[in-house]
Amino acid sequence: MNLSETTTFCFVASYAVALSLEVVSLVRRFGWHRLLLLGFAIAGVFAHITFLTVHARGSHTPLSSPSDWASVAALSLACVYLFASFSAPRQAIGLFLLPLVLALVGVSTVASDRPIAAENASDFWGRTHGVLLVMATVSVIVGFLAGVMYLIQSWRLKQKLPSANEFRLPSLEVLEQLNSRALGVSAVLVAGGFGSGLVLTRLRHGADGASLWGDPLVISLSVMLLWLVAAELFRWLYPGARRGRKVAYLTVASFGFLVIVLASLLWTGSSHAARVEPPQPPRQLT
């Protein structure tokens, strides 16, 4: 098969099979189970990278549209899952990661292909803006999943439930550290993405860029940044918020703001998208 013919179905099917194998592992594992699971996960990541590479060569700059943004975020989470599959093979992390990978791929298929910013803008700031926001999305989602797993693990210990080999999660200490780091990293990345977006707006729109402050996507991203900064300040000023359930709740709440941003990206963004002037008819010579 020609790699240029890779479609979305190729990696979606691979991720879906990997998720099915993760679910089956809750009941029983067979001889080739882990090898088969890793095979489909690797195939999905490879097909996903190939698809994005071909798409970037054949169209516009990578990370220049909401569709690209969601697809690269899905690929980043899939890489996190692949890394976790090798580093923590007996932990049920895939049950949390893979559904969100598939959800982000679904968002990418229905999101707009129009560039987020004007065509004549600085490529450097455009790519920086896109990369930082993708990394921030992944960081928030990883923190959210760590928070959910922490709350589940904490509840199991509180209820004194027996540990099941089929549903083994990381320790509370590991999840607590991951929560704290994800919250701080998310705040830095969102701030960087927001700041680079301001520079990009200034370069491309000049004084007219002030009108973009009414864009729902810009408003939701601003609110998310304020929340992350406030949460980080609260965590540092109040030592009790650095540990246990409190930091888990902060990361879970951060994911709620991310959902609002993604909703704004999906259902709005006409003012944030590139404005392409319609072609003018040739003048008639008189």
Protein backbone atom coordinates (compact mmCIF):
# COMPACT_ATOMS: atom_id res chain seq x y z
CA MET A 1 0.00 0.00 0.00
CA ASN A 2 1.25 3.49 -0.91
CA LEU A 3 1.83 5.54 2.26
CA SER A 4 0.26 8.56 0.59
CA GLU A 5 -3.04 6.63 0.57
CA THR A 6 -3.15 6.43 4.38
CA THR A 7 -6.55 7.57 5.65
CA THR A 8 -8.06 8.41 9.00
CA PHE A 9 -9.68 4.98 9.12
CA CYS A 10 -6.25 3.30 9.30
CA PHE A 11 -5.22 4.75 12.65
CA VAL A 12 -8.74 4.99 14.07
CA ALA A 13 -9.22 1.27 13.50
CA SER A 14 -5.84 0.52 15.11
CA TYR A 15 -6.64 2.64 18.18
CA ALA A 16 -10.11 1.08 18.45
CA VAL A 17 -8.68 -2.46 18.36
CA ALA A 18 -6.07 -1.51 20.99
CA LEU A 19 -8.84 -0.15 23.21
CA SER A 20 -10.87 -3.33 22.73
CA LEU A 21 -7.85 -5.40 23.79
CA GLU A 22 -7.46 -3.20 26.88
CA VAL A 23 -11.09 -3.89 27.78
CA VAL A 24 -10.67 -7.64 27.16
CA SER A 25 -7.65 -7.65 29.48
CA LEU A 26 -9.98 -6.82 32.37
CA VAL A 27 -11.50 -10.28 31.96
CA ARG A 28 -8.61 -12.42 30.79
CA ARG A 29 -5.29 -12.27 28.96
CA PHE A 30 -4.21 -14.77 26.32
CA GLY A 31 -0.73 -15.70 25.19
CA TRP A 32 -0.20 -13.10 22.45
CA HIS A 33 -2.36 -10.45 24.09
CA ARG A 34 0.30 -7.91 25.00
CA LEU A 35 2.24 -8.33 21.76
CA LEU A 36 -0.95 -7.90 19.74
CA LEU A 37 -1.95 -4.82 21.73
CA LEU A 38 1.45 -3.16 21.23
CA GLY A 39 1.35 -4.05 17.54
CA PHE A 40 -1.93 -2.25 16.97
CA ALA A 41 -0.82 0.72 19.08
CA ILE A 42 2.42 1.09 17.11
CA ALA A 43 0.55 0.67 13.82
CA GLY A 44 -1.92 3.36 14.84
CA VAL A 45 0.80 5.87 15.78
CA PHE A 46 2.74 5.13 12.59
CA ALA A 47 -0.36 5.55 10.38
CA HIS A 48 -1.29 8.73 12.24
CA ILE A 49 2.17 10.27 11.72
CA THR A 50 2.12 9.26 8.05
CA PHE A 51 -1.33 10.77 7.54
CA LEU A 52 -0.33 14.11 9.11
CA THR A 53 2.95 14.21 7.16
CA VAL A 54 1.23 13.63 3.82
CA HIS A 55 -1.49 16.12 4.73
CA ALA A 56 1.08 18.80 5.61
CA ARG A 57 2.96 18.32 2.36
CA GLY A 58 -0.14 18.42 0.23
CA SER A 59 -1.93 21.38 1.79
CA HIS A 60 -1.11 24.11 4.25
CA THR A 61 1.30 24.67 7.11
CA PRO A 62 0.98 22.09 9.93
CA LEU A 63 -1.06 23.19 12.98
CA SER A 64 -2.67 25.99 10.98
CA SER A 65 -6.29 24.83 11.35
CA PRO A 66 -8.57 23.54 14.14
CA SER A 67 -8.64 20.13 12.43
CA ASP A 68 -4.85 19.83 12.49
CA TRP A 69 -4.75 21.06 16.08
CA ALA A 70 -7.09 18.32 17.32
CA SER A 71 -5.40 15.60 15.25
CA VAL A 72 -1.89 16.44 16.52
CA ALA A 73 -3.22 16.52 20.10
CA ALA A 74 -4.67 13.03 19.53
CA LEU A 75 -1.33 11.81 18.17
CA SER A 76 0.51 13.25 21.19
CA LEU A 77 -1.82 11.39 23.57
CA ALA A 78 -1.37 8.21 21.55
CA CYS A 79 2.41 8.57 21.96
CA VAL A 80 1.91 9.02 25.71
CA TYR A 81 -0.12 5.80 25.72
CA LEU A 82 2.56 3.97 23.76
CA PHE A 83 5.24 5.13 26.19
CA ALA A 84 3.09 4.08 29.16
CA SER A 85 2.50 0.66 27.56
CA PHE A 86 6.25 0.00 27.65
CA SER A 87 7.07 1.68 30.96
CA ALA A 88 4.04 0.42 32.94
CA PRO A 89 2.77 -2.62 31.02
CA ARG A 90 0.44 -3.99 33.70
CA GLN A 91 -1.40 -0.76 34.48
CA ALA A 92 -4.78 0.09 32.96
CA ILE A 93 -3.77 3.50 31.62
CA GLY A 94 -5.03 2.75 28.12
CA LEU A 95 -8.63 2.57 29.35
CA PHE A 96 -8.35 6.29 30.13
CA LEU A 97 -6.11 7.51 27.30
CA LEU A 98 -7.46 5.72 24.23
CA PRO A 99 -11.08 6.97 24.48
CA LEU A 100 -9.81 10.54 24.52
CA VAL A 101 -7.50 9.81 21.59
CA LEU A 102 -10.48 8.60 19.58
CA ALA A 103 -12.58 11.56 20.74
CA LEU A 104 -9.94 14.05 19.56
CA VAL A 105 -9.68 12.27 16.21
CA GLY A 106 -13.45 12.63 15.95
CA VAL A 107 -13.16 16.35 16.68
CA SER A 108 -10.50 16.68 13.97
CA THR A 109 -12.80 15.14 11.35
CA VAL A 110 -15.59 17.66 11.93
CA ALA A 111 -13.52 20.75 12.79
CA SER A 112 -12.74 23.41 10.22
CA ASP A 113 -9.83 22.99 7.78
CA ARG A 114 -9.54 26.75 7.35
CA PRO A 115 -6.34 28.27 8.71
CA ILE A 116 -6.70 29.81 12.16
CA ALA A 117 -4.88 32.96 11.12
CA ALA A 118 -4.25 34.99 8.00
CA GLU A 119 -2.31 33.43 5.15
CA ASN A 120 0.32 36.17 5.01
CA ALA A 121 1.22 35.97 8.71
CA SER A 122 4.53 35.03 10.24
CA ASP A 123 5.07 31.27 9.98
CA PHE A 124 7.29 31.30 13.05
CA TRP A 125 4.69 32.77 15.39
CA GLY A 126 1.94 30.72 13.80
CA ARG A 127 3.78 27.46 14.41
CA THR A 128 4.83 28.51 17.90
CA HIS A 129 1.24 29.39 18.76
CA GLY A 130 -0.05 26.08 17.43
CA VAL A 131 2.63 23.88 19.02
CA LEU A 132 2.26 25.49 22.47
CA LEU A 133 -1.52 25.11 22.45
CA VAL A 134 -1.29 21.47 21.35
CA MET A 135 1.22 20.74 24.12
CA ALA A 136 -1.02 22.58 26.61
CA THR A 137 -4.00 20.47 25.51
CA VAL A 138 -2.03 17.26 26.03
CA SER A 139 -0.73 18.45 29.41
CA VAL A 140 -4.21 19.33 30.68
CA ILE A 141 -5.62 15.99 29.51
CA VAL A 142 -2.77 14.03 31.11
CA GLY A 143 -3.35 15.93 34.36
CA PHE A 144 -7.07 15.23 34.16
CA LEU A 145 -6.51 11.51 33.64
CA ALA A 146 -4.02 11.42 36.51
CA GLY A 147 -6.57 13.19 38.70
CA VAL A 148 -9.33 10.75 37.80
CA MET A 149 -7.05 7.77 38.43
CA TYR A 150 -5.97 9.30 41.77
CA LEU A 151 -9.59 9.68 42.89
CA ILE A 152 -10.40 6.10 41.81
CA GLN A 153 -7.33 4.72 43.56
CA SER A 154 -8.03 6.76 46.68
CA TRP A 155 -11.64 5.54 46.77
CA ARG A 156 -10.54 1.91 46.37
CA LEU A 157 -8.12 2.23 49.27
CA LYS A 158 -10.70 3.99 51.41
CA GLN A 159 -13.21 1.21 50.74
CA LYS A 160 -10.46 -1.35 51.42
CA LEU A 161 -11.16 -3.08 48.14
CA PRO A 162 -8.75 -5.86 47.16
CA SER A 163 -6.20 -5.03 44.47
CA ALA A 164 -7.05 -6.58 41.10
CA ASN A 165 -4.24 -7.57 38.78
CA GLU A 166 -6.44 -6.86 35.77
CA PHE A 167 -7.10 -3.23 36.83
CA ARG A 168 -3.85 -2.00 38.30
CA LEU A 169 -3.27 1.76 38.55
CA PRO A 170 -0.13 3.74 39.46
CA SER A 171 0.44 4.46 43.15
CA LEU A 172 -1.06 7.52 44.81
CA GLU A 173 2.41 9.04 45.16
CA VAL A 174 3.11 8.77 41.43
CA LEU A 175 -0.30 10.15 40.48
CA GLU A 176 0.06 13.01 42.97
CA GLN A 177 3.38 14.05 41.45
CA LEU A 178 1.96 13.79 37.94
CA ASN A 179 -1.01 15.95 38.94
CA SER A 180 1.19 18.68 40.39
CA ARG A 181 3.57 18.74 37.44
CA ALA A 182 0.79 18.69 34.85
CA LEU A 183 -0.90 21.68 36.48
CA GLY A 184 2.27 23.78 36.45
CA VAL A 185 3.27 22.75 32.93
CA SER A 186 -0.25 23.47 31.65
CA ALA A 187 -0.18 26.99 33.10
CA VAL A 188 3.17 27.73 31.42
CA LEU A 189 2.14 26.29 28.05
CA VAL A 190 -1.24 28.04 27.95
CA ALA A 191 0.44 31.32 28.90
CA GLY A 192 2.99 30.80 26.12
CA GLY A 193 0.28 29.94 23.61
CA PHE A 194 -1.80 32.93 24.63
CA GLY A 195 1.18 35.29 24.50
CA SER A 196 2.31 34.05 21.10
CA GLY A 197 -1.27 34.46 19.90
CA LEU A 198 -1.20 38.12 20.96
CA VAL A 199 2.05 38.68 19.06
CA LEU A 200 0.63 36.87 16.04
CA THR A 201 -2.53 38.98 16.12
CA ARG A 202 -0.50 42.17 16.32
CA LEU A 203 1.66 41.15 13.36
CA ARG A 204 -1.22 40.08 11.15
CA HIS A 205 -4.04 42.44 12.03
CA GLY A 206 -2.35 45.47 13.58
CA ALA A 207 -4.79 47.79 15.31
CA ASP A 208 -7.72 45.81 13.88
CA GLY A 209 -6.70 42.83 16.03
CA ALA A 210 -8.58 44.30 18.98
CA SER A 211 -11.80 43.03 17.43
CA LEU A 212 -10.66 39.43 18.03
CA TRP A 213 -11.10 39.92 21.79
CA GLY A 214 -14.79 39.31 21.20
CA ASP A 215 -14.06 35.91 19.64
CA PRO A 216 -15.51 33.13 21.89
CA LEU A 217 -12.31 31.10 21.40
CA VAL A 218 -10.14 33.97 22.64
CA ILE A 219 -12.49 34.61 25.56
CA SER A 220 -12.57 30.95 26.63
CA LEU A 221 -8.79 30.64 26.34
CA SER A 222 -8.36 33.80 28.44
CA VAL A 223 -10.63 32.39 31.15
CA MET A 224 -8.75 29.11 31.10
CA LEU A 225 -5.43 30.93 31.49
CA LEU A 226 -6.77 32.94 34.44
CA TRP A 227 -7.99 29.73 36.07
CA LEU A 228 -4.66 27.94 35.63
CA VAL A 229 -2.71 30.90 37.03
CA ALA A 230 -5.10 31.18 39.99
CA ALA A 231 -4.93 27.42 40.62
CA GLU A 232 -1.14 27.46 40.50
CA LEU A 233 -0.95 30.43 42.89
CA PHE A 234 -3.41 28.74 45.23
CA ARG A 235 -1.37 25.55 45.13
CA TRP A 236 1.84 27.35 46.04
CA LEU A 237 0.36 29.68 48.67
CA TYR A 238 -1.65 26.91 50.33
CA PRO A 239 0.63 23.88 50.93
CA GLY A 240 -2.36 21.61 51.58
CA ALA A 241 -3.42 22.05 47.93
CA ARG A 242 -0.19 20.44 46.73
CA ARG A 243 -1.17 17.01 47.94
CA GLY A 244 -3.99 14.52 47.84
CA ARG A 245 -7.44 15.09 46.50
CA LYS A 246 -7.14 18.88 46.28
CA VAL A 247 -4.60 18.89 43.46
CA ALA A 248 -6.59 16.12 41.73
CA TYR A 249 -9.71 18.29 41.84
CA LEU A 250 -7.74 21.22 40.39
CA THR A 251 -6.58 19.19 37.39
CA VAL A 252 -10.08 17.79 36.83
CA ALA A 253 -11.50 21.33 36.88
CA SER A 254 -8.83 22.44 34.41
CA PHE A 255 -10.09 19.80 31.99
CA GLY A 256 -13.55 21.38 32.24
CA PHE A 257 -12.12 24.67 30.99
CA LEU A 258 -10.34 22.80 28.19
CA VAL A 259 -13.66 21.30 27.08
CA ILE A 260 -15.09 24.83 26.85
CA VAL A 261 -12.12 25.95 24.73
CA LEU A 262 -12.49 22.93 22.42
CA ALA A 263 -16.23 23.60 22.11
CA SER A 264 -15.48 27.20 21.13
CA LEU A 265 -12.93 25.96 18.60
CA LEU A 266 -15.40 23.49 17.11
CA TRP A 267 -18.64 25.47 16.93
CA THR A 268 -17.34 29.01 16.48
CA GLY A 269 -14.18 30.58 15.25
CA SER A 270 -15.40 32.30 12.11
CA SER A 271 -13.78 35.51 13.28
CA HIS A 272 -10.68 33.64 14.40
CA ALA A 273 -10.26 31.81 11.13
CA ALA A 274 -8.38 33.23 8.22
CA ARG A 275 -10.28 35.72 6.19
CA VAL A 276 -9.82 34.82 2.56
CA GLU A 277 -10.90 37.48 0.14
CA PRO A 278 -12.97 36.18 -2.78
CA PRO A 279 -11.28 36.47 -6.16
CA GLN A 280 -12.05 39.68 -8.00
CA PRO A 281 -13.35 39.50 -11.57
CA PRO A 282 -10.96 40.86 -14.20
CA ARG A 283 -11.49 44.45 -15.15
CA GLN A 284 -12.95 45.19 -18.52
CA LEU A 285 -10.72 47.28 -20.73
CA THR A 286 -12.44 50.28 -22.15
